[in-house]
Amino acid sequence: MKKVLKVVGISILVVLVLFMIHAIRNYIILSKINENVAKYVESNNMYMKTESDQVNVNYYRKDDKEVAIMNKDNIKMSNYKIGEKNDQFVETGESKTAKLNLGSMTVQVANIAKFDTKWQRFMLGSVAFIRSKNYKDKACYVIDNLISPYFLVGDKCQYTVEKDTGLLLKETTDGIVYEREYEFNKVEDSVFIEPDINEYIIQEN
C-alpha cells in the first residue's frame, strides 16, 4: 500500500510540475504578445483588411478620421467617421441610400493577450494550447482553447498570431475563418472623402 501511495504521489507531483511548466510557458508567450502588439493597438494611422467566406471589410484610420467599407454578397456598406460626424452609405444592386450623423464607430486592432491583471493572464492562459507554426511565410503562434475576458469563446476557436508583432492574422470561430492583413503609417487623406451625397436617398436614422 505504501508503494502504491508513493507511486501515486510521484505521479501527481510529475503532473503538477508539467502543468506549471506549461502554464509558465503560456504566460511568457502571452505577455510577449501583449507587449509587441501594444504599439499597433494605439496606432493612429492604420489599414486593416478582414476577409472571410461571408464578408470582406477594409478599415482605415488616420488621427480622428475613420472609414470602414464592408462588402457582403451584392451589398456595399461604407461608414465615414470624420471627427464627431459619422455617415453611412449603402449600395445594393437596385438602390443607394445614406444615413447621416449616426453614433460613434470603434474598430481596434485585436489583442488576444489582453487581460485585466497578470494573475488573470496566468490562470486563464494556463488552459490554452500554444504551438509554433509558419503562416504565409511568417513565424506565428497558433493558440487553441484560450479563455479571454475580451473575446467570445466559440466552437473550435483558434487564433494565429504573428510572433514578432503580436498581430492577429487568422481567426477561426464556429467554423468561420477570418484572415487579416495590416499596413501602418501609409493611409492618405484621400481615403476619407465621402461619396457624392446627391447620388443617394437619405434615410432617417
N, C-alpha and C. Protein backbone atom coordinates (compact mmCIF):
# COMPACT_ATOMS: atom_id res chain seq x y z
N MET A 1 0.83 -1.20 0.00
CA MET A 1 0.00 0.00 0.00
C MET A 1 0.86 1.26 0.00
N LYS A 2 1.96 1.22 0.78
CA LYS A 2 2.85 2.38 0.84
C LYS A 2 3.48 2.65 -0.52
N LYS A 3 3.85 1.53 -1.20
CA LYS A 3 4.45 1.69 -2.52
C LYS A 3 3.46 2.30 -3.51
N VAL A 4 2.19 1.86 -3.42
CA VAL A 4 1.16 2.40 -4.30
C VAL A 4 0.96 3.89 -4.05
N LEU A 5 0.87 4.26 -2.77
CA LEU A 5 0.70 5.67 -2.42
C LEU A 5 1.89 6.50 -2.88
N LYS A 6 3.08 5.91 -2.79
CA LYS A 6 4.27 6.62 -3.22
C LYS A 6 4.25 6.86 -4.72
N VAL A 7 3.86 5.82 -5.48
CA VAL A 7 3.77 5.95 -6.94
C VAL A 7 2.73 6.99 -7.33
N VAL A 8 1.57 6.94 -6.63
CA VAL A 8 0.52 7.91 -6.89
C VAL A 8 1.00 9.32 -6.58
N GLY A 9 1.68 9.47 -5.46
CA GLY A 9 2.20 10.78 -5.06
C GLY A 9 3.19 11.33 -6.06
N ILE A 10 4.10 10.46 -6.52
CA ILE A 10 5.09 10.88 -7.51
C ILE A 10 4.41 11.26 -8.82
N SER A 11 3.40 10.48 -9.22
CA SER A 11 2.68 10.76 -10.46
C SER A 11 1.99 12.12 -10.39
N ILE A 12 1.36 12.38 -9.24
CA ILE A 12 0.69 13.67 -9.06
C ILE A 12 1.69 14.81 -9.11
N LEU A 13 2.85 14.61 -8.48
CA LEU A 13 3.89 15.63 -8.46
C LEU A 13 4.40 15.91 -9.87
N VAL A 14 4.61 14.84 -10.65
CA VAL A 14 5.08 15.00 -12.03
C VAL A 14 4.06 15.78 -12.86
N VAL A 15 2.78 15.44 -12.69
CA VAL A 15 1.72 16.14 -13.41
C VAL A 15 1.70 17.62 -13.05
N LEU A 16 1.83 17.92 -11.75
CA LEU A 16 1.83 19.31 -11.29
C LEU A 16 3.02 20.09 -11.85
N VAL A 17 4.18 19.43 -11.88
CA VAL A 17 5.38 20.09 -12.41
C VAL A 17 5.21 20.37 -13.90
N LEU A 18 4.70 19.39 -14.64
CA LEU A 18 4.47 19.58 -16.08
C LEU A 18 3.44 20.67 -16.34
N PHE A 19 2.39 20.71 -15.51
CA PHE A 19 1.37 21.75 -15.66
C PHE A 19 1.96 23.13 -15.40
N MET A 20 2.80 23.24 -14.39
CA MET A 20 3.41 24.54 -14.07
C MET A 20 4.34 24.99 -15.19
N ILE A 21 5.08 24.05 -15.77
CA ILE A 21 5.95 24.40 -16.90
C ILE A 21 5.10 24.90 -18.07
N HIS A 22 4.01 24.18 -18.34
CA HIS A 22 3.09 24.57 -19.41
C HIS A 22 2.48 25.95 -19.14
N ALA A 23 2.04 26.18 -17.91
CA ALA A 23 1.39 27.45 -17.55
C ALA A 23 2.37 28.61 -17.63
N ILE A 24 3.59 28.41 -17.16
CA ILE A 24 4.61 29.48 -17.19
C ILE A 24 4.98 29.81 -18.63
N ARG A 25 5.13 28.77 -19.45
CA ARG A 25 5.45 28.99 -20.87
C ARG A 25 4.34 29.81 -21.53
N ASN A 26 3.08 29.45 -21.31
CA ASN A 26 1.96 30.19 -21.88
C ASN A 26 1.95 31.64 -21.40
N TYR A 27 2.22 31.83 -20.12
CA TYR A 27 2.22 33.19 -19.56
C TYR A 27 3.30 34.05 -20.22
N ILE A 28 4.47 33.48 -20.41
CA ILE A 28 5.57 34.22 -21.05
C ILE A 28 5.20 34.59 -22.48
N ILE A 29 4.63 33.64 -23.24
CA ILE A 29 4.25 33.89 -24.62
C ILE A 29 3.16 34.95 -24.71
N LEU A 30 2.12 34.82 -23.89
CA LEU A 30 1.01 35.78 -23.91
C LEU A 30 1.47 37.18 -23.48
N SER A 31 2.37 37.24 -22.53
CA SER A 31 2.91 38.52 -22.09
C SER A 31 3.69 39.19 -23.22
N LYS A 32 4.45 38.40 -23.96
CA LYS A 32 5.23 38.94 -25.07
C LYS A 32 4.31 39.43 -26.19
N ILE A 33 3.26 38.66 -26.48
CA ILE A 33 2.27 39.09 -27.48
C ILE A 33 1.65 40.42 -27.07
N ASN A 34 1.25 40.52 -25.82
CA ASN A 34 0.64 41.75 -25.30
C ASN A 34 1.59 42.93 -25.42
N GLU A 35 2.86 42.70 -25.15
CA GLU A 35 3.86 43.76 -25.24
C GLU A 35 4.10 44.18 -26.69
N ASN A 36 4.20 43.20 -27.60
CA ASN A 36 4.52 43.50 -29.00
C ASN A 36 3.39 44.21 -29.73
N VAL A 37 2.14 43.85 -29.42
CA VAL A 37 1.01 44.39 -30.18
C VAL A 37 0.57 45.77 -29.68
N ALA A 38 1.08 46.19 -28.52
CA ALA A 38 0.62 47.43 -27.89
C ALA A 38 0.75 48.64 -28.82
N LYS A 39 1.87 48.76 -29.51
CA LYS A 39 2.08 49.95 -30.35
C LYS A 39 1.15 49.96 -31.56
N TYR A 40 0.72 48.79 -31.99
CA TYR A 40 -0.20 48.72 -33.12
C TYR A 40 -1.63 49.04 -32.68
N VAL A 41 -1.99 48.60 -31.49
CA VAL A 41 -3.32 48.91 -30.95
C VAL A 41 -3.50 50.42 -30.83
N GLU A 42 -2.44 51.12 -30.47
CA GLU A 42 -2.51 52.56 -30.25
C GLU A 42 -2.21 53.38 -31.50
N SER A 43 -1.97 52.73 -32.63
CA SER A 43 -1.61 53.45 -33.86
C SER A 43 -2.76 54.34 -34.33
N ASN A 44 -2.41 55.55 -34.78
CA ASN A 44 -3.42 56.48 -35.31
C ASN A 44 -3.32 56.61 -36.83
N ASN A 45 -2.60 55.67 -37.45
CA ASN A 45 -2.52 55.62 -38.90
C ASN A 45 -2.40 54.16 -39.31
N MET A 46 -3.53 53.56 -39.69
CA MET A 46 -3.51 52.12 -39.96
C MET A 46 -4.56 51.72 -40.98
N TYR A 47 -4.27 50.61 -41.65
CA TYR A 47 -5.22 49.95 -42.55
C TYR A 47 -5.32 48.49 -42.14
N MET A 48 -6.53 47.98 -42.05
CA MET A 48 -6.75 46.57 -41.71
C MET A 48 -7.78 45.97 -42.64
N LYS A 49 -7.44 44.85 -43.23
CA LYS A 49 -8.36 44.13 -44.10
C LYS A 49 -8.75 42.82 -43.44
N THR A 50 -10.05 42.56 -43.37
CA THR A 50 -10.57 41.32 -42.79
C THR A 50 -11.41 40.60 -43.84
N GLU A 51 -11.07 39.34 -44.10
CA GLU A 51 -11.77 38.57 -45.11
C GLU A 51 -12.26 37.24 -44.56
N SER A 52 -13.45 36.85 -45.01
CA SER A 52 -13.97 35.51 -44.74
C SER A 52 -14.81 35.10 -45.94
N ASP A 53 -15.37 33.91 -45.89
CA ASP A 53 -16.23 33.46 -46.97
C ASP A 53 -17.51 34.29 -47.05
N GLN A 54 -17.85 34.96 -45.94
CA GLN A 54 -19.12 35.67 -45.87
C GLN A 54 -19.00 37.18 -46.06
N VAL A 55 -17.87 37.75 -45.68
CA VAL A 55 -17.78 39.21 -45.69
C VAL A 55 -16.34 39.66 -45.92
N ASN A 56 -16.21 40.87 -46.46
CA ASN A 56 -14.91 41.49 -46.69
C ASN A 56 -14.98 42.91 -46.13
N VAL A 57 -14.06 43.26 -45.22
CA VAL A 57 -14.08 44.58 -44.59
C VAL A 57 -12.71 45.24 -44.73
N ASN A 58 -12.71 46.49 -45.23
CA ASN A 58 -11.50 47.31 -45.29
C ASN A 58 -11.68 48.48 -44.33
N TYR A 59 -10.74 48.61 -43.41
CA TYR A 59 -10.85 49.66 -42.40
C TYR A 59 -9.61 50.55 -42.45
N TYR A 60 -9.85 51.87 -42.41
CA TYR A 60 -8.76 52.85 -42.43
C TYR A 60 -8.92 53.81 -41.25
N ARG A 61 -7.81 54.18 -40.66
CA ARG A 61 -7.84 55.19 -39.60
C ARG A 61 -6.62 56.10 -39.72
N LYS A 62 -6.89 57.40 -39.57
CA LYS A 62 -5.82 58.39 -39.51
C LYS A 62 -6.26 59.52 -38.61
N ASP A 63 -5.60 59.68 -37.49
CA ASP A 63 -5.94 60.70 -36.49
C ASP A 63 -7.41 60.54 -36.07
N ASP A 64 -8.26 61.56 -36.33
CA ASP A 64 -9.66 61.48 -35.89
C ASP A 64 -10.60 61.07 -37.03
N LYS A 65 -10.02 60.49 -38.09
CA LYS A 65 -10.82 60.06 -39.24
C LYS A 65 -10.80 58.54 -39.35
N GLU A 66 -11.97 57.95 -39.65
CA GLU A 66 -12.08 56.51 -39.82
C GLU A 66 -13.02 56.18 -40.98
N VAL A 67 -12.70 55.11 -41.68
CA VAL A 67 -13.57 54.60 -42.74
C VAL A 67 -13.60 53.07 -42.63
N ALA A 68 -14.80 52.51 -42.67
CA ALA A 68 -14.97 51.06 -42.72
C ALA A 68 -15.85 50.73 -43.91
N ILE A 69 -15.33 49.93 -44.83
CA ILE A 69 -16.08 49.56 -46.04
C ILE A 69 -16.29 48.06 -46.04
N MET A 70 -17.55 47.64 -45.99
CA MET A 70 -17.90 46.22 -45.90
C MET A 70 -18.60 45.79 -47.18
N ASN A 71 -18.16 44.67 -47.73
CA ASN A 71 -18.80 44.07 -48.90
C ASN A 71 -19.31 42.68 -48.53
N LYS A 72 -20.60 42.45 -48.73
CA LYS A 72 -21.20 41.15 -48.44
C LYS A 72 -22.25 40.87 -49.51
N ASP A 73 -22.05 39.75 -50.21
CA ASP A 73 -22.93 39.41 -51.33
C ASP A 73 -22.94 40.59 -52.30
N ASN A 74 -24.09 41.18 -52.57
CA ASN A 74 -24.15 42.32 -53.50
C ASN A 74 -24.39 43.63 -52.76
N ILE A 75 -24.03 43.66 -51.48
CA ILE A 75 -24.24 44.86 -50.66
C ILE A 75 -22.88 45.47 -50.28
N LYS A 76 -22.77 46.77 -50.46
CA LYS A 76 -21.60 47.52 -50.03
C LYS A 76 -22.04 48.56 -49.01
N MET A 77 -21.47 48.49 -47.81
CA MET A 77 -21.80 49.44 -46.75
C MET A 77 -20.53 50.18 -46.33
N SER A 78 -20.58 51.51 -46.40
CA SER A 78 -19.42 52.34 -46.07
C SER A 78 -19.76 53.30 -44.94
N ASN A 79 -18.95 53.29 -43.90
CA ASN A 79 -19.11 54.21 -42.78
C ASN A 79 -17.93 55.18 -42.75
N TYR A 80 -18.25 56.47 -42.76
CA TYR A 80 -17.22 57.52 -42.72
C TYR A 80 -17.36 58.29 -41.42
N LYS A 81 -16.35 58.22 -40.59
CA LYS A 81 -16.36 58.98 -39.34
C LYS A 81 -15.26 60.04 -39.42
N ILE A 82 -15.68 61.28 -39.49
CA ILE A 82 -14.75 62.40 -39.56
C ILE A 82 -14.99 63.25 -38.32
N GLY A 83 -14.09 63.19 -37.37
CA GLY A 83 -14.31 63.86 -36.10
C GLY A 83 -15.49 63.25 -35.37
N GLU A 84 -16.50 64.06 -35.07
CA GLU A 84 -17.70 63.58 -34.39
C GLU A 84 -18.78 63.13 -35.37
N LYS A 85 -18.56 63.37 -36.65
CA LYS A 85 -19.56 63.06 -37.67
C LYS A 85 -19.38 61.63 -38.18
N ASN A 86 -20.49 60.90 -38.31
CA ASN A 86 -20.43 59.52 -38.79
C ASN A 86 -21.58 59.30 -39.78
N ASP A 87 -21.25 59.14 -41.05
CA ASP A 87 -22.25 58.93 -42.09
C ASP A 87 -22.11 57.53 -42.68
N GLN A 88 -23.24 56.95 -43.06
CA GLN A 88 -23.26 55.60 -43.61
C GLN A 88 -23.87 55.61 -45.02
N PHE A 89 -23.21 54.93 -45.95
CA PHE A 89 -23.67 54.83 -47.32
C PHE A 89 -23.83 53.35 -47.69
N VAL A 90 -25.00 53.00 -48.21
CA VAL A 90 -25.29 51.61 -48.55
C VAL A 90 -25.64 51.51 -50.02
N GLU A 91 -24.96 50.59 -50.72
CA GLU A 91 -25.23 50.37 -52.13
C GLU A 91 -25.63 48.91 -52.36
N THR A 92 -26.73 48.70 -53.06
CA THR A 92 -27.15 47.37 -53.48
C THR A 92 -27.30 47.40 -54.99
N GLY A 93 -27.76 46.30 -55.56
CA GLY A 93 -27.94 46.27 -57.00
C GLY A 93 -28.99 47.21 -57.49
N GLU A 94 -29.94 47.57 -56.61
CA GLU A 94 -31.07 48.40 -57.03
C GLU A 94 -31.06 49.83 -56.49
N SER A 95 -30.34 50.08 -55.39
CA SER A 95 -30.50 51.39 -54.75
C SER A 95 -29.22 51.86 -54.07
N LYS A 96 -29.24 53.17 -53.79
CA LYS A 96 -28.19 53.80 -53.00
C LYS A 96 -28.86 54.62 -51.91
N THR A 97 -28.56 54.30 -50.65
CA THR A 97 -29.17 55.04 -49.54
C THR A 97 -28.09 55.51 -48.58
N ALA A 98 -28.43 56.53 -47.81
CA ALA A 98 -27.47 57.09 -46.85
C ALA A 98 -28.18 57.45 -45.55
N LYS A 99 -27.46 57.27 -44.45
CA LYS A 99 -27.91 57.73 -43.14
C LYS A 99 -26.82 58.64 -42.58
N LEU A 100 -27.22 59.80 -42.12
CA LEU A 100 -26.26 60.80 -41.68
C LEU A 100 -26.26 60.95 -40.16
N ASN A 101 -25.10 61.32 -39.65
CA ASN A 101 -24.94 61.64 -38.22
C ASN A 101 -25.36 60.47 -37.31
N LEU A 102 -24.77 59.32 -37.58
CA LEU A 102 -25.02 58.15 -36.74
C LEU A 102 -24.16 58.22 -35.48
N GLY A 103 -24.26 57.18 -34.65
CA GLY A 103 -23.44 57.11 -33.45
C GLY A 103 -21.98 56.85 -33.79
N SER A 104 -21.15 56.77 -32.79
CA SER A 104 -19.71 56.62 -32.99
C SER A 104 -19.37 55.24 -33.54
N MET A 105 -18.21 55.14 -34.17
CA MET A 105 -17.71 53.89 -34.72
C MET A 105 -16.37 53.58 -34.08
N THR A 106 -16.20 52.35 -33.61
CA THR A 106 -14.95 51.98 -32.97
C THR A 106 -14.45 50.64 -33.50
N VAL A 107 -13.27 50.66 -34.07
CA VAL A 107 -12.61 49.44 -34.53
C VAL A 107 -11.21 49.43 -33.94
N GLN A 108 -10.81 48.30 -33.38
CA GLN A 108 -9.50 48.21 -32.75
C GLN A 108 -8.71 47.04 -33.31
N VAL A 109 -7.39 47.17 -33.31
CA VAL A 109 -6.54 46.02 -33.58
C VAL A 109 -6.71 45.04 -32.43
N ALA A 110 -6.98 43.80 -32.75
CA ALA A 110 -7.26 42.80 -31.72
C ALA A 110 -5.99 42.45 -30.93
N ASN A 111 -6.13 42.42 -29.63
CA ASN A 111 -5.06 41.96 -28.74
C ASN A 111 -5.58 40.74 -27.98
N ILE A 112 -5.27 39.55 -28.49
CA ILE A 112 -5.82 38.34 -27.89
C ILE A 112 -5.17 38.02 -26.54
N ALA A 113 -4.10 38.74 -26.20
CA ALA A 113 -3.41 38.51 -24.93
C ALA A 113 -3.77 39.57 -23.89
N LYS A 114 -4.87 40.29 -24.12
CA LYS A 114 -5.29 41.32 -23.17
C LYS A 114 -6.03 40.70 -21.99
N PHE A 115 -5.54 40.99 -20.80
CA PHE A 115 -6.18 40.54 -19.57
C PHE A 115 -6.16 41.70 -18.57
N ASP A 116 -7.01 41.63 -17.57
CA ASP A 116 -7.10 42.72 -16.60
C ASP A 116 -5.91 42.75 -15.65
N THR A 117 -5.36 41.58 -15.32
CA THR A 117 -4.22 41.50 -14.41
C THR A 117 -3.25 40.43 -14.90
N LYS A 118 -2.03 40.45 -14.39
CA LYS A 118 -1.05 39.42 -14.72
C LYS A 118 -1.50 38.05 -14.19
N TRP A 119 -2.10 38.06 -13.01
CA TRP A 119 -2.60 36.82 -12.43
C TRP A 119 -3.69 36.20 -13.30
N GLN A 120 -4.57 37.05 -13.83
CA GLN A 120 -5.62 36.57 -14.73
C GLN A 120 -5.01 35.99 -15.99
N ARG A 121 -3.98 36.64 -16.52
CA ARG A 121 -3.31 36.11 -17.72
C ARG A 121 -2.69 34.75 -17.42
N PHE A 122 -2.12 34.60 -16.24
CA PHE A 122 -1.50 33.33 -15.88
C PHE A 122 -2.55 32.23 -15.72
N MET A 123 -3.62 32.52 -15.00
CA MET A 123 -4.63 31.50 -14.71
C MET A 123 -5.42 31.11 -15.96
N LEU A 124 -5.97 32.09 -16.67
CA LEU A 124 -6.78 31.80 -17.84
C LEU A 124 -5.92 31.28 -19.00
N GLY A 125 -4.70 31.80 -19.08
CA GLY A 125 -3.81 31.36 -20.16
C GLY A 125 -3.27 29.95 -19.96
N SER A 126 -3.34 29.45 -18.73
CA SER A 126 -2.76 28.14 -18.43
C SER A 126 -3.50 26.99 -19.11
N VAL A 127 -4.75 27.20 -19.50
CA VAL A 127 -5.53 26.12 -20.12
C VAL A 127 -5.42 26.15 -21.65
N ALA A 128 -4.73 27.16 -22.18
CA ALA A 128 -4.59 27.26 -23.64
C ALA A 128 -3.51 26.32 -24.14
N PHE A 129 -3.58 26.00 -25.43
CA PHE A 129 -2.55 25.21 -26.09
C PHE A 129 -1.92 26.07 -27.16
N ILE A 130 -0.60 26.29 -27.05
CA ILE A 130 0.11 27.19 -27.94
C ILE A 130 1.24 26.44 -28.63
N ARG A 131 1.26 26.53 -29.95
CA ARG A 131 2.34 25.90 -30.70
C ARG A 131 2.85 26.86 -31.78
N SER A 132 4.06 26.64 -32.24
CA SER A 132 4.66 27.47 -33.28
C SER A 132 4.33 26.91 -34.66
N LYS A 133 4.11 27.83 -35.61
CA LYS A 133 3.80 27.41 -36.98
C LYS A 133 4.04 28.58 -37.92
N ASN A 134 4.53 28.28 -39.12
CA ASN A 134 4.66 29.31 -40.15
C ASN A 134 3.33 29.50 -40.86
N TYR A 135 2.94 30.75 -41.04
CA TYR A 135 1.70 31.08 -41.74
C TYR A 135 1.99 32.22 -42.70
N LYS A 136 1.84 31.96 -43.98
CA LYS A 136 2.15 32.94 -45.02
C LYS A 136 3.56 33.49 -44.86
N ASP A 137 4.50 32.56 -44.65
CA ASP A 137 5.93 32.87 -44.52
C ASP A 137 6.24 33.73 -43.30
N LYS A 138 5.37 33.70 -42.30
CA LYS A 138 5.62 34.44 -41.07
C LYS A 138 5.63 33.48 -39.88
N ALA A 139 6.57 33.68 -38.97
CA ALA A 139 6.63 32.86 -37.76
C ALA A 139 5.48 33.25 -36.84
N CYS A 140 4.66 32.28 -36.50
CA CYS A 140 3.43 32.57 -35.74
C CYS A 140 3.25 31.60 -34.58
N TYR A 141 2.35 32.00 -33.70
CA TYR A 141 1.81 31.10 -32.68
C TYR A 141 0.38 30.74 -33.08
N VAL A 142 0.04 29.46 -32.98
CA VAL A 142 -1.34 29.02 -33.15
C VAL A 142 -1.86 28.69 -31.76
N ILE A 143 -2.95 29.36 -31.37
CA ILE A 143 -3.45 29.26 -29.99
C ILE A 143 -4.85 28.68 -29.99
N ASP A 144 -5.03 27.60 -29.25
CA ASP A 144 -6.34 26.96 -29.09
C ASP A 144 -6.77 27.04 -27.64
N ASN A 145 -8.08 27.01 -27.45
CA ASN A 145 -8.67 26.93 -26.10
C ASN A 145 -8.27 28.09 -25.20
N LEU A 146 -8.12 29.27 -25.77
CA LEU A 146 -7.78 30.45 -24.97
C LEU A 146 -9.04 31.04 -24.36
N ILE A 147 -9.05 31.17 -23.06
CA ILE A 147 -10.16 31.81 -22.35
C ILE A 147 -9.80 33.27 -22.10
N SER A 148 -10.64 34.17 -22.60
CA SER A 148 -10.33 35.60 -22.52
C SER A 148 -11.55 36.37 -22.06
N PRO A 149 -11.36 37.40 -21.21
CA PRO A 149 -12.49 38.25 -20.81
C PRO A 149 -12.92 39.21 -21.91
N TYR A 150 -12.13 39.30 -23.01
CA TYR A 150 -12.43 40.27 -24.06
C TYR A 150 -12.77 39.63 -25.41
N PHE A 151 -12.74 38.30 -25.49
CA PHE A 151 -13.08 37.61 -26.72
C PHE A 151 -14.12 36.54 -26.43
N LEU A 152 -15.10 36.45 -27.32
CA LEU A 152 -16.10 35.40 -27.19
C LEU A 152 -15.45 34.06 -27.50
N VAL A 153 -15.80 33.06 -26.73
CA VAL A 153 -15.26 31.73 -26.93
C VAL A 153 -16.29 30.91 -27.70
N GLY A 154 -15.96 30.56 -28.93
CA GLY A 154 -16.88 29.79 -29.75
C GLY A 154 -16.41 28.36 -29.92
N ASP A 155 -17.13 27.62 -30.73
CA ASP A 155 -16.78 26.22 -31.00
C ASP A 155 -15.50 26.16 -31.83
N LYS A 156 -14.51 25.43 -31.33
CA LYS A 156 -13.24 25.26 -32.04
C LYS A 156 -12.63 26.61 -32.40
N CYS A 157 -12.52 27.48 -31.42
CA CYS A 157 -11.95 28.82 -31.63
C CYS A 157 -10.42 28.72 -31.65
N GLN A 158 -9.81 29.30 -32.68
CA GLN A 158 -8.36 29.22 -32.84
C GLN A 158 -7.82 30.55 -33.35
N TYR A 159 -6.66 30.96 -32.82
CA TYR A 159 -6.04 32.22 -33.23
C TYR A 159 -4.64 31.94 -33.77
N THR A 160 -4.30 32.61 -34.87
CA THR A 160 -2.94 32.57 -35.40
C THR A 160 -2.36 33.97 -35.28
N VAL A 161 -1.30 34.10 -34.49
CA VAL A 161 -0.73 35.40 -34.13
C VAL A 161 0.72 35.46 -34.55
N GLU A 162 1.09 36.55 -35.21
CA GLU A 162 2.49 36.72 -35.62
C GLU A 162 3.37 36.95 -34.39
N LYS A 163 4.47 36.22 -34.31
CA LYS A 163 5.33 36.29 -33.13
C LYS A 163 5.95 37.67 -32.93
N ASP A 164 6.50 38.25 -33.99
CA ASP A 164 7.25 39.50 -33.87
C ASP A 164 6.37 40.70 -33.54
N THR A 165 5.13 40.70 -34.02
CA THR A 165 4.27 41.87 -33.87
C THR A 165 3.11 41.66 -32.89
N GLY A 166 2.72 40.41 -32.66
CA GLY A 166 1.54 40.13 -31.83
C GLY A 166 0.23 40.35 -32.57
N LEU A 167 0.30 40.62 -33.88
CA LEU A 167 -0.91 40.88 -34.66
C LEU A 167 -1.65 39.59 -34.97
N LEU A 168 -2.97 39.65 -34.86
CA LEU A 168 -3.83 38.52 -35.17
C LEU A 168 -3.98 38.42 -36.69
N LEU A 169 -3.48 37.33 -37.28
CA LEU A 169 -3.52 37.16 -38.72
C LEU A 169 -4.66 36.27 -39.18
N LYS A 170 -5.08 35.36 -38.32
CA LYS A 170 -6.15 34.43 -38.69
C LYS A 170 -6.93 34.03 -37.46
N GLU A 171 -8.24 33.98 -37.61
CA GLU A 171 -9.12 33.59 -36.50
C GLU A 171 -10.18 32.63 -37.03
N THR A 172 -10.35 31.53 -36.34
CA THR A 172 -11.38 30.57 -36.70
C THR A 172 -12.35 30.45 -35.54
N THR A 173 -13.61 30.80 -35.78
CA THR A 173 -14.63 30.76 -34.74
C THR A 173 -15.90 30.13 -35.30
N ASP A 174 -16.36 29.08 -34.63
CA ASP A 174 -17.58 28.39 -35.06
C ASP A 174 -17.53 28.00 -36.53
N GLY A 175 -16.36 27.56 -36.97
CA GLY A 175 -16.20 27.08 -38.34
C GLY A 175 -15.98 28.15 -39.38
N ILE A 176 -16.03 29.43 -38.99
CA ILE A 176 -15.82 30.54 -39.93
C ILE A 176 -14.38 31.04 -39.79
N VAL A 177 -13.68 31.16 -40.91
CA VAL A 177 -12.29 31.59 -40.91
C VAL A 177 -12.20 33.06 -41.32
N TYR A 178 -11.56 33.86 -40.48
CA TYR A 178 -11.31 35.28 -40.77
C TYR A 178 -9.81 35.48 -40.93
N GLU A 179 -9.39 36.06 -42.05
CA GLU A 179 -7.98 36.36 -42.27
C GLU A 179 -7.79 37.87 -42.29
N ARG A 180 -6.67 38.32 -41.69
CA ARG A 180 -6.43 39.76 -41.57
C ARG A 180 -5.08 40.15 -42.15
N GLU A 181 -5.06 41.34 -42.76
CA GLU A 181 -3.83 41.96 -43.24
C GLU A 181 -3.76 43.39 -42.71
N TYR A 182 -2.54 43.90 -42.53
CA TYR A 182 -2.37 45.22 -41.92
C TYR A 182 -1.32 46.04 -42.68
N GLU A 183 -1.50 47.36 -42.62
CA GLU A 183 -0.48 48.32 -43.03
C GLU A 183 -0.54 49.49 -42.05
N PHE A 184 0.62 50.03 -41.72
CA PHE A 184 0.68 51.13 -40.76
C PHE A 184 1.46 52.30 -41.35
N ASN A 185 0.98 53.51 -41.01
CA ASN A 185 1.62 54.76 -41.41
C ASN A 185 1.67 54.96 -42.92
N LYS A 186 0.64 54.43 -43.62
CA LYS A 186 0.58 54.60 -45.07
C LYS A 186 -0.77 55.16 -45.54
N VAL A 187 -1.69 55.42 -44.63
CA VAL A 187 -3.03 55.87 -45.01
C VAL A 187 -3.00 57.34 -45.41
N GLU A 188 -3.58 57.64 -46.58
CA GLU A 188 -3.64 59.01 -47.10
C GLU A 188 -5.02 59.63 -46.84
N ASP A 189 -5.08 60.95 -46.82
CA ASP A 189 -6.33 61.67 -46.56
C ASP A 189 -7.39 61.41 -47.61
N SER A 190 -6.98 61.08 -48.84
CA SER A 190 -7.94 60.89 -49.92
C SER A 190 -8.92 59.75 -49.64
N VAL A 191 -8.54 58.83 -48.78
CA VAL A 191 -9.40 57.68 -48.44
C VAL A 191 -10.68 58.14 -47.75
N PHE A 192 -10.64 59.30 -47.09
CA PHE A 192 -11.74 59.73 -46.24
C PHE A 192 -12.72 60.68 -46.95
N ILE A 193 -12.60 60.82 -48.25
CA ILE A 193 -13.56 61.65 -48.99
C ILE A 193 -14.85 60.86 -49.19
N GLU A 194 -15.96 61.40 -48.69
CA GLU A 194 -17.24 60.71 -48.78
C GLU A 194 -17.76 60.69 -50.22
N PRO A 195 -18.60 59.69 -50.55
CA PRO A 195 -19.26 59.68 -51.87
C PRO A 195 -20.15 60.92 -52.05
N ASP A 196 -20.52 61.19 -53.26
CA ASP A 196 -21.40 62.33 -53.58
C ASP A 196 -22.79 62.05 -52.99
N ILE A 197 -23.19 62.83 -52.00
CA ILE A 197 -24.46 62.60 -51.31
C ILE A 197 -25.65 62.75 -52.26
N ASN A 198 -25.48 63.49 -53.35
CA ASN A 198 -26.58 63.69 -54.30
C ASN A 198 -26.96 62.41 -55.04
N GLU A 199 -26.11 61.40 -54.98
CA GLU A 199 -26.39 60.13 -55.64
C GLU A 199 -27.15 59.15 -54.74
N TYR A 200 -27.43 59.59 -53.49
CA TYR A 200 -28.02 58.70 -52.51
C TYR A 200 -29.36 59.24 -52.00
N ILE A 201 -30.23 58.32 -51.65
CA ILE A 201 -31.50 58.66 -50.98
C ILE A 201 -31.24 58.70 -49.48
N ILE A 202 -31.48 59.84 -48.87
CA ILE A 202 -31.21 59.98 -47.44
C ILE A 202 -32.35 59.38 -46.63
N GLN A 203 -32.01 58.50 -45.70
CA GLN A 203 -33.00 57.86 -44.82
C GLN A 203 -32.86 58.42 -43.41
N GLU A 204 -33.97 58.41 -42.68
CA GLU A 204 -33.95 58.84 -41.30
C GLU A 204 -33.25 57.76 -40.46
N ASN A 205 -32.55 58.18 -39.40
CA ASN A 205 -31.87 57.24 -38.52
C ASN A 205 -32.89 56.40 -37.75
